[in-house]
């Protein structure tokens, strides 16, 4: 069904947000990745890159999701970390 008014709305619907969150919970469950492990991974990644760049911690996103290229949906770690500037 086409939602004419939703077409111009740039915010995702609560339904799509909830669906995405559920997918992430399932992926985390299937990969045996606890929230604690994900936090450790984030810390390690940030410690590694902080030697070389200044980053924006407010707008970063690190998560485990699934590949879309095949039926198995292999787990992948996706990091979106805005870089403020490079260190020399």
PDB file of N, CA and C in Angstrom:
ATOM      1  N   UNK A   1       0.845  -1.172   0.000  1.00  0.00           N
ATOM      2  CA  UNK A   1       0.000   0.000   0.000  1.00  0.00           C
ATOM      3  C   UNK A   1       0.889   1.233   0.000  1.00  0.00           C
ATOM      4  N   UNK A   2       0.554   2.219  -0.829  1.00  0.00           N
ATOM      5  CA  UNK A   2       1.333   3.441  -0.965  1.00  0.00           C
ATOM      6  C   UNK A   2       0.794   4.505  -0.024  1.00  0.00           C
ATOM      7  N   UNK A   3       1.671   5.047   0.774  1.00  0.00           N
ATOM      8  CA  UNK A   3       1.302   6.089   1.732  1.00  0.00           C
ATOM      9  C   UNK A   3       1.793   7.418   1.195  1.00  0.00           C
ATOM     10  N   UNK A   4       0.889   8.194   0.616  1.00  0.00           N
ATOM     11  CA  UNK A   4       1.267   9.465  -0.004  1.00  0.00           C
ATOM     12  C   UNK A   4       1.901  10.411   0.992  1.00  0.00           C
ATOM     13  N   UNK A   5       1.350  10.501   2.192  1.00  0.00           N
ATOM     14  CA  UNK A   5       1.895  11.422   3.188  1.00  0.00           C
ATOM     15  C   UNK A   5       3.200  10.894   3.779  1.00  0.00           C
ATOM     16  N   UNK A   6       3.335   9.592   3.882  1.00  0.00           N
ATOM     17  CA  UNK A   6       4.569   8.996   4.367  1.00  0.00           C
ATOM     18  C   UNK A   6       5.717   9.122   3.373  1.00  0.00           C
ATOM     19  N   UNK A   7       5.376   9.336   2.095  1.00  0.00           N
ATOM     20  CA  UNK A   7       6.384   9.471   1.054  1.00  0.00           C
ATOM     21  C   UNK A   7       7.290  10.674   1.301  1.00  0.00           C
ATOM     22  N   UNK A   8       6.717  11.743   1.817  1.00  0.00           N
ATOM     23  CA  UNK A   8       7.479  12.960   2.055  1.00  0.00           C
ATOM     24  C   UNK A   8       8.102  13.014   3.443  1.00  0.00           C
ATOM     25  N   UNK A   9       7.777  12.060   4.275  1.00  0.00           N
ATOM     26  CA  UNK A   9       8.293  12.017   5.630  1.00  0.00           C
ATOM     27  C   UNK A   9       9.640  11.298   5.615  1.00  0.00           C
ATOM     28  N   UNK A  10      10.710  11.976   6.074  1.00  0.00           N
ATOM     29  CA  UNK A  10      12.047  11.377   6.026  1.00  0.00           C
ATOM     30  C   UNK A  10      12.322  10.471   7.221  1.00  0.00           C
ATOM     31  N   UNK A  11      11.498  10.499   8.238  1.00  0.00           N
ATOM     32  CA  UNK A  11      11.699   9.655   9.417  1.00  0.00           C
ATOM     33  C   UNK A  11      11.161   8.259   9.150  1.00  0.00           C
ATOM     34  N   UNK A  12      11.914   7.229   9.580  1.00  0.00           N
ATOM     35  CA  UNK A  12      11.383   5.868   9.431  1.00  0.00           C
ATOM     36  C   UNK A  12      10.217   5.643  10.390  1.00  0.00           C
ATOM     37  N   UNK A  13       9.321   4.767   9.989  1.00  0.00           N
ATOM     38  CA  UNK A  13       8.156   4.476  10.832  1.00  0.00           C
ATOM     39  C   UNK A  13       8.582   3.673  12.051  1.00  0.00           C
ATOM     40  N   UNK A  14       7.776   3.724  13.093  1.00  0.00           N
ATOM     41  CA  UNK A  14       8.080   2.948  14.296  1.00  0.00           C
ATOM     42  C   UNK A  14       8.051   1.453  13.982  1.00  0.00           C
ATOM     43  N   UNK A  15       7.218   1.067  13.020  1.00  0.00           N
ATOM     44  CA  UNK A  15       7.151  -0.338  12.608  1.00  0.00           C
ATOM     45  C   UNK A  15       8.487  -0.778  12.012  1.00  0.00           C
ATOM     46  N   UNK A  16       9.058   0.030  11.136  1.00  0.00           N
ATOM     47  CA  UNK A  16      10.325  -0.345  10.512  1.00  0.00           C
ATOM     48  C   UNK A  16      11.470  -0.318  11.516  1.00  0.00           C
ATOM     49  N   UNK A  17      11.432   0.599  12.467  1.00  0.00           N
ATOM     50  CA  UNK A  17      12.453   0.658  13.521  1.00  0.00           C
ATOM     51  C   UNK A  17      12.372  -0.597  14.392  1.00  0.00           C
ATOM     52  N   UNK A  18      11.164  -0.967  14.786  1.00  0.00           N
ATOM     53  CA  UNK A  18      10.981  -2.166  15.615  1.00  0.00           C
ATOM     54  C   UNK A  18      11.417  -3.422  14.867  1.00  0.00           C
ATOM     55  N   UNK A  19      11.107  -3.493  13.585  1.00  0.00           N
ATOM     56  CA  UNK A  19      11.491  -4.642  12.768  1.00  0.00           C
ATOM     57  C   UNK A  19      13.017  -4.742  12.688  1.00  0.00           C
ATOM     58  N   UNK A  20      13.693  -3.619  12.493  1.00  0.00           N
ATOM     59  CA  UNK A  20      15.151  -3.607  12.414  1.00  0.00           C
ATOM     60  C   UNK A  20      15.780  -4.011  13.752  1.00  0.00           C
ATOM     61  N   UNK A  21      15.224  -3.532  14.838  1.00  0.00           N
ATOM     62  CA  UNK A  21      15.725  -3.903  16.165  1.00  0.00           C
ATOM     63  C   UNK A  21      15.559  -5.401  16.414  1.00  0.00           C
ATOM     64  N   UNK A  22      14.430  -5.945  16.016  1.00  0.00           N
ATOM     65  CA  UNK A  22      14.201  -7.379  16.174  1.00  0.00           C
ATOM     66  C   UNK A  22      15.207  -8.182  15.361  1.00  0.00           C
ATOM     67  N   UNK A  23      15.495  -7.742  14.145  1.00  0.00           N
ATOM     68  CA  UNK A  23      16.497  -8.411  13.324  1.00  0.00           C
ATOM     69  C   UNK A  23      17.853  -8.408  14.020  1.00  0.00           C
ATOM     70  N   UNK A  24      18.230  -7.270  14.598  1.00  0.00           N
ATOM     71  CA  UNK A  24      19.512  -7.173  15.295  1.00  0.00           C
ATOM     72  C   UNK A  24      19.558  -8.093  16.508  1.00  0.00           C
ATOM     73  N   UNK A  25      18.469  -8.174  17.244  1.00  0.00           N
ATOM     74  CA  UNK A  25      18.410  -9.070  18.404  1.00  0.00           C
ATOM     75  C   UNK A  25      18.588 -10.512  17.955  1.00  0.00           C
ATOM     76  N   UNK A  26      17.931 -10.894  16.867  1.00  0.00           N
ATOM     77  CA  UNK A  26      18.048 -12.263  16.354  1.00  0.00           C
ATOM     78  C   UNK A  26      19.470 -12.558  15.885  1.00  0.00           C
ATOM     79  N   UNK A  27      20.089 -11.609  15.206  1.00  0.00           N
ATOM     80  CA  UNK A  27      21.461 -11.807  14.745  1.00  0.00           C
ATOM     81  C   UNK A  27      22.395 -11.960  15.934  1.00  0.00           C
ATOM     82  N   UNK A  28      22.248 -11.102  16.930  1.00  0.00           N
ATOM     83  CA  UNK A  28      23.087 -11.182  18.129  1.00  0.00           C
ATOM     84  C   UNK A  28      22.890 -12.532  18.814  1.00  0.00           C
ATOM     85  N   UNK A  29      21.656 -12.985  18.869  1.00  0.00           N
ATOM     86  CA  UNK A  29      21.361 -14.262  19.513  1.00  0.00           C
ATOM     87  C   UNK A  29      21.984 -15.420  18.738  1.00  0.00           C
ATOM     88  N   UNK A  30      21.856 -15.396  17.425  1.00  0.00           N
ATOM     89  CA  UNK A  30      22.372 -16.486  16.595  1.00  0.00           C
ATOM     90  C   UNK A  30      23.892 -16.516  16.540  1.00  0.00           C
ATOM     91  N   UNK A  31      24.526 -15.375  16.723  1.00  0.00           N
ATOM     92  CA  UNK A  31      25.997 -15.334  16.687  1.00  0.00           C
ATOM     93  C   UNK A  31      26.606 -15.467  18.074  1.00  0.00           C
ATOM     94  N   UNK A  32      25.769 -15.615  19.082  1.00  0.00           N
ATOM     95  CA  UNK A  32      26.237 -15.693  20.470  1.00  0.00           C
ATOM     96  C   UNK A  32      27.060 -14.465  20.858  1.00  0.00           C
ATOM     97  N   UNK A  33      26.666 -13.322  20.350  1.00  0.00           N
ATOM     98  CA  UNK A  33      27.357 -12.076  20.668  1.00  0.00           C
ATOM     99  C   UNK A  33      26.546 -11.341  21.732  1.00  0.00           C
ATOM    100  N   UNK A  34      27.062 -11.353  22.931  1.00  0.00           N
ATOM    101  CA  UNK A  34      26.376 -10.671  24.022  1.00  0.00           C
ATOM    102  C   UNK A  34      26.604  -9.167  23.911  1.00  0.00           C
ATOM    103  N   UNK A  35      25.772  -8.374  24.554  1.00  0.00           N
ATOM    104  CA  UNK A  35      26.002  -6.922  24.568  1.00  0.00           C
ATOM    105  C   UNK A  35      27.374  -6.570  25.148  1.00  0.00           C
ATOM    106  N   UNK A  36      27.837  -7.371  26.099  1.00  0.00           N
ATOM    107  CA  UNK A  36      29.150  -7.122  26.695  1.00  0.00           C
ATOM    108  C   UNK A  36      30.263  -7.329  25.677  1.00  0.00           C
ATOM    109  N   UNK A  37      30.139  -8.397  24.868  1.00  0.00           N
ATOM    110  CA  UNK A  37      31.141  -8.658  23.833  1.00  0.00           C
ATOM    111  C   UNK A  37      31.140  -7.545  22.792  1.00  0.00           C
ATOM    112  N   UNK A  38      29.950  -7.090  22.400  1.00  0.00           N
ATOM    113  CA  UNK A  38      29.860  -6.003  21.430  1.00  0.00           C
ATOM    114  C   UNK A  38      30.512  -4.741  21.987  1.00  0.00           C
ATOM    115  N   UNK A  39      30.322  -4.452  23.262  1.00  0.00           N
ATOM    116  CA  UNK A  39      30.964  -3.292  23.889  1.00  0.00           C
ATOM    117  C   UNK A  39      32.480  -3.428  23.883  1.00  0.00           C
ATOM    118  N   UNK A  40      32.986  -4.639  24.152  1.00  0.00           N
ATOM    119  CA  UNK A  40      34.431  -4.873  24.104  1.00  0.00           C
ATOM    120  C   UNK A  40      34.979  -4.661  22.692  1.00  0.00           C
ATOM    121  N   UNK A  41      34.242  -5.135  21.699  1.00  0.00           N
ATOM    122  CA  UNK A  41      34.651  -4.929  20.311  1.00  0.00           C
ATOM    123  C   UNK A  41      34.697  -3.441  19.981  1.00  0.00           C
ATOM    124  N   UNK A  42      33.657  -2.710  20.386  1.00  0.00           N
ATOM    125  CA  UNK A  42      33.620  -1.261  20.152  1.00  0.00           C
ATOM    126  C   UNK A  42      34.827  -0.574  20.780  1.00  0.00           C
ATOM    127  N   UNK A  43      35.107  -0.913  22.035  1.00  0.00           N
ATOM    128  CA  UNK A  43      36.238  -0.303  22.741  1.00  0.00           C
ATOM    129  C   UNK A  43      37.549  -0.590  22.021  1.00  0.00           C
ATOM    130  N   UNK A  44      37.747  -1.834  21.595  1.00  0.00           N
ATOM    131  CA  UNK A  44      38.973  -2.196  20.889  1.00  0.00           C
ATOM    132  C   UNK A  44      39.109  -1.435  19.574  1.00  0.00           C
ATOM    133  N   UNK A  45      38.019  -1.353  18.829  1.00  0.00           N
ATOM    134  CA  UNK A  45      38.046  -0.630  17.553  1.00  0.00           C
ATOM    135  C   UNK A  45      38.371   0.838  17.792  1.00  0.00           C
ATOM    136  N   UNK A  46      37.683   1.444  18.753  1.00  0.00           N
ATOM    137  CA  UNK A  46      37.891   2.868  19.024  1.00  0.00           C
ATOM    138  C   UNK A  46      39.292   3.147  19.556  1.00  0.00           C
ATOM    139  N   UNK A  47      39.819   2.263  20.390  1.00  0.00           N
ATOM    140  CA  UNK A  47      41.189   2.427  20.870  1.00  0.00           C
ATOM    141  C   UNK A  47      42.185   2.360  19.720  1.00  0.00           C
ATOM    142  N   UNK A  48      41.937   1.469  18.786  1.00  0.00           N
ATOM    143  CA  UNK A  48      42.836   1.314  17.641  1.00  0.00           C
ATOM    144  C   UNK A  48      42.816   2.531  16.724  1.00  0.00           C
ATOM    145  N   UNK A  49      41.633   3.006  16.388  1.00  0.00           N
ATOM    146  CA  UNK A  49      41.582   4.121  15.447  1.00  0.00           C
ATOM    147  C   UNK A  49      41.912   5.463  16.094  1.00  0.00           C
ATOM    148  N   UNK A  50      41.738   5.570  17.414  1.00  0.00           N
ATOM    149  CA  UNK A  50      41.997   6.847  18.084  1.00  0.00           C
ATOM    150  C   UNK A  50      43.479   7.231  18.025  1.00  0.00           C
ATOM    151  N   UNK A  51      44.354   6.270  17.751  1.00  0.00           N
ATOM    152  CA  UNK A  51      45.768   6.583  17.579  1.00  0.00           C
ATOM    153  C   UNK A  51      46.016   7.357  16.286  1.00  0.00           C
ATOM    154  N   UNK A  52      45.092   7.242  15.329  1.00  0.00           N
ATOM    155  CA  UNK A  52      45.300   7.806  13.997  1.00  0.00           C
ATOM    156  C   UNK A  52      44.316   8.907  13.614  1.00  0.00           C
ATOM    157  N   UNK A  53      43.139   8.915  14.236  1.00  0.00           N
ATOM    158  CA  UNK A  53      42.110   9.896  13.870  1.00  0.00           C
ATOM    159  C   UNK A  53      41.364  10.385  15.105  1.00  0.00           C
ATOM    160  N   UNK A  54      40.787  11.580  14.979  1.00  0.00           N
ATOM    161  CA  UNK A  54      39.818  12.064  15.954  1.00  0.00           C
ATOM    162  C   UNK A  54      38.446  11.748  15.371  1.00  0.00           C
ATOM    163  N   UNK A  55      37.581  11.154  16.167  1.00  0.00           N
ATOM    164  CA  UNK A  55      36.266  10.756  15.672  1.00  0.00           C
ATOM    165  C   UNK A  55      35.167  11.384  16.516  1.00  0.00           C
ATOM    166  N   UNK A  56      33.961  11.372  15.970  1.00  0.00           N
ATOM    167  CA  UNK A  56      32.787  11.942  16.625  1.00  0.00           C
ATOM    168  C   UNK A  56      32.020  10.822  17.339  1.00  0.00           C
ATOM    169  N   UNK A  57      32.179  10.689  18.659  1.00  0.00           N
ATOM    170  CA  UNK A  57      31.518   9.584  19.365  1.00  0.00           C
ATOM    171  C   UNK A  57      29.996   9.721  19.433  1.00  0.00           C
ATOM    172  N   UNK A  58      29.482  10.929  19.250  1.00  0.00           N
ATOM    173  CA  UNK A  58      28.029  11.137  19.329  1.00  0.00           C
ATOM    174  C   UNK A  58      27.285  10.563  18.130  1.00  0.00           C
ATOM    175  N   UNK A  59      27.950  10.504  16.982  1.00  0.00           N
ATOM    176  CA  UNK A  59      27.261  10.090  15.757  1.00  0.00           C
ATOM    177  C   UNK A  59      27.770   8.772  15.192  1.00  0.00           C
ATOM    178  N   UNK A  60      28.452   7.986  16.000  1.00  0.00           N
ATOM    179  CA  UNK A  60      28.956   6.715  15.498  1.00  0.00           C
ATOM    180  C   UNK A  60      27.950   5.597  15.749  1.00  0.00           C
ATOM    181  N   UNK A  61      28.105   4.542  14.962  1.00  0.00           N
ATOM    182  CA  UNK A  61      27.216   3.397  15.080  1.00  0.00           C
ATOM    183  C   UNK A  61      28.026   2.143  14.772  1.00  0.00           C
ATOM    184  N   UNK A  62      28.114   1.235  15.727  1.00  0.00           N
ATOM    185  CA  UNK A  62      28.796  -0.037  15.530  1.00  0.00           C
ATOM    186  C   UNK A  62      27.810  -1.129  15.917  1.00  0.00           C
ATOM    187  N   UNK A  63      27.580  -2.053  14.981  1.00  0.00           N
ATOM    188  CA  UNK A  63      26.592  -3.098  15.242  1.00  0.00           C
ATOM    189  C   UNK A  63      26.950  -4.375  14.503  1.00  0.00           C
ATOM    190  N   UNK A  64      26.324  -5.447  14.893  1.00  0.00           N
ATOM    191  CA  UNK A  64      26.440  -6.711  14.185  1.00  0.00           C
ATOM    192  C   UNK A  64      25.130  -6.911  13.438  1.00  0.00           C
ATOM    193  N   UNK A  65      25.251  -7.209  12.156  1.00  0.00           N
ATOM    194  CA  UNK A  65      24.073  -7.422  11.329  1.00  0.00           C
ATOM    195  C   UNK A  65      24.335  -8.630  10.432  1.00  0.00           C
ATOM    196  N   UNK A  66      23.522  -8.811   9.416  1.00  0.00           N
ATOM    197  CA  UNK A  66      23.689  -9.951   8.513  1.00  0.00           C
ATOM    198  C   UNK A  66      24.021  -9.475   7.109  1.00  0.00           C
ATOM    199  N   UNK A  67      24.740 -10.335   6.355  1.00  0.00           N
ATOM    200  CA  UNK A  67      24.976 -10.042   4.948  1.00  0.00           C
ATOM    201  C   UNK A  67      23.672 -10.214   4.193  1.00  0.00           C
ATOM    202  N   UNK A  68      23.565  -9.531   3.098  1.00  0.00           N
ATOM    203  CA  UNK A  68      22.351  -9.629   2.283  1.00  0.00           C
ATOM    204  C   UNK A  68      22.606 -10.389   0.993  1.00  0.00           C
ATOM    205  N   UNK A  69      23.846 -10.832   0.802  1.00  0.00           N
ATOM    206  CA  UNK A  69      24.212 -11.425  -0.485  1.00  0.00           C
ATOM    207  C   UNK A  69      23.789 -12.875  -0.664  1.00  0.00           C
ATOM    208  N   UNK A  70      23.402 -13.529   0.393  1.00  0.00           N
ATOM    209  CA  UNK A  70      22.978 -14.920   0.242  1.00  0.00           C
ATOM    210  C   UNK A  70      21.923 -15.273   1.280  1.00  0.00           C
ATOM    211  N   UNK A  71      21.424 -16.488   1.192  1.00  0.00           N
ATOM    212  CA  UNK A  71      20.348 -16.937   2.076  1.00  0.00           C
ATOM    213  C   UNK A  71      20.807 -17.149   3.520  1.00  0.00           C
ATOM    214  N   UNK A  72      22.102 -17.448   3.715  1.00  0.00           N
ATOM    215  CA  UNK A  72      22.570 -17.786   5.059  1.00  0.00           C
ATOM    216  C   UNK A  72      22.640 -16.568   5.975  1.00  0.00           C
ATOM    217  N   UNK A  73      22.795 -15.386   5.411  1.00  0.00           N
ATOM    218  CA  UNK A  73      22.861 -14.178   6.228  1.00  0.00           C
ATOM    219  C   UNK A  73      23.986 -14.224   7.236  1.00  0.00           C
ATOM    220  N   UNK A  74      25.214 -14.365   6.750  1.00  0.00           N
ATOM    221  CA  UNK A  74      26.369 -14.437   7.644  1.00  0.00           C
ATOM    222  C   UNK A  74      26.480 -13.169   8.474  1.00  0.00           C
ATOM    223  N   UNK A  75      26.900 -13.295   9.734  1.00  0.00           N
ATOM    224  CA  UNK A  75      27.037 -12.097  10.569  1.00  0.00           C
ATOM    225  C   UNK A  75      28.216 -11.246  10.116  1.00  0.00           C
ATOM    226  N   UNK A  76      28.027  -9.924  10.158  1.00  0.00           N
ATOM    227  CA  UNK A  76      29.083  -8.969   9.834  1.00  0.00           C
ATOM    228  C   UNK A  76      29.075  -7.860  10.876  1.00  0.00           C
ATOM    229  N   UNK A  77      30.243  -7.332  11.143  1.00  0.00           N
ATOM    230  CA  UNK A  77      30.378  -6.191  12.037  1.00  0.00           C
ATOM    231  C   UNK A  77      30.419  -4.947  11.163  1.00  0.00           C
ATOM    232  N   UNK A  78      29.504  -4.009  11.401  1.00  0.00           N
ATOM    233  CA  UNK A  78      29.415  -2.797  10.613  1.00  0.00           C
ATOM    234  C   UNK A  78      29.716  -1.615  11.518  1.00  0.00           C
ATOM    235  N   UNK A  79      30.674  -0.796  11.103  1.00  0.00           N
ATOM    236  CA  UNK A  79      31.052   0.370  11.898  1.00  0.00           C
ATOM    237  C   UNK A  79      30.937   1.627  11.045  1.00  0.00           C
ATOM    238  N   UNK A  80      30.183   2.572  11.532  1.00  0.00           N
ATOM    239  CA  UNK A  80      30.075   3.883  10.909  1.00  0.00           C
ATOM    240  C   UNK A  80      30.584   4.886  11.939  1.00  0.00           C
ATOM    241  N   UNK A  81      31.810   5.375  11.725  1.00  0.00           N
ATOM    242  CA  UNK A  81      32.461   6.250  12.701  1.00  0.00           C
ATOM    243  C   UNK A  81      32.893   7.527  11.985  1.00  0.00           C
ATOM    244  N   UNK A  82      32.172   8.626  12.210  1.00  0.00           N
ATOM    245  CA  UNK A  82      32.529   9.886  11.566  1.00  0.00           C
ATOM    246  C   UNK A  82      33.900  10.385  12.042  1.00  0.00           C
ATOM    247  N   UNK A  83      34.762  10.670  11.091  1.00  0.00           N
ATOM    248  CA  UNK A  83      36.120  11.140  11.399  1.00  0.00           C
ATOM    249  C   UNK A  83      36.145  12.656  11.351  1.00  0.00           C
ATOM    250  N   UNK A  84      36.615  13.274  12.445  1.00  0.00           N
ATOM    251  CA  UNK A  84      36.744  14.729  12.501  1.00  0.00           C
ATOM    252  C   UNK A  84      37.989  15.189  11.768  1.00  0.00           C
ATOM    253  N   UNK A  85      39.124  14.553  12.092  1.00  0.00           N
ATOM    254  CA  UNK A  85      40.368  14.864  11.372  1.00  0.00           C
ATOM    255  C   UNK A  85      41.380  13.758  11.597  1.00  0.00           C
ATOM    256  N   UNK A  86      42.385  13.768  10.720  1.00  0.00           N
ATOM    257  CA  UNK A  86      43.446  12.769  10.787  1.00  0.00           C
ATOM    258  C   UNK A  86      44.575  13.298  11.671  1.00  0.00           C
ATOM    259  N   UNK A  87      45.174  12.399  12.446  1.00  0.00           N
ATOM    260  CA  UNK A  87      46.324  12.769  13.264  1.00  0.00           C
ATOM    261  C   UNK A  87      47.591  12.504  12.459  1.00  0.00           C
ATOM    262  N   UNK A  88      48.600  13.244  12.755  1.00  0.00           N
ATOM    263  CA  UNK A  88      49.872  13.039  12.024  1.00  0.00           C
ATOM    264  C   UNK A  88      50.904  12.446  12.908  1.00  0.00           C
TER     265      UNK A  88
END
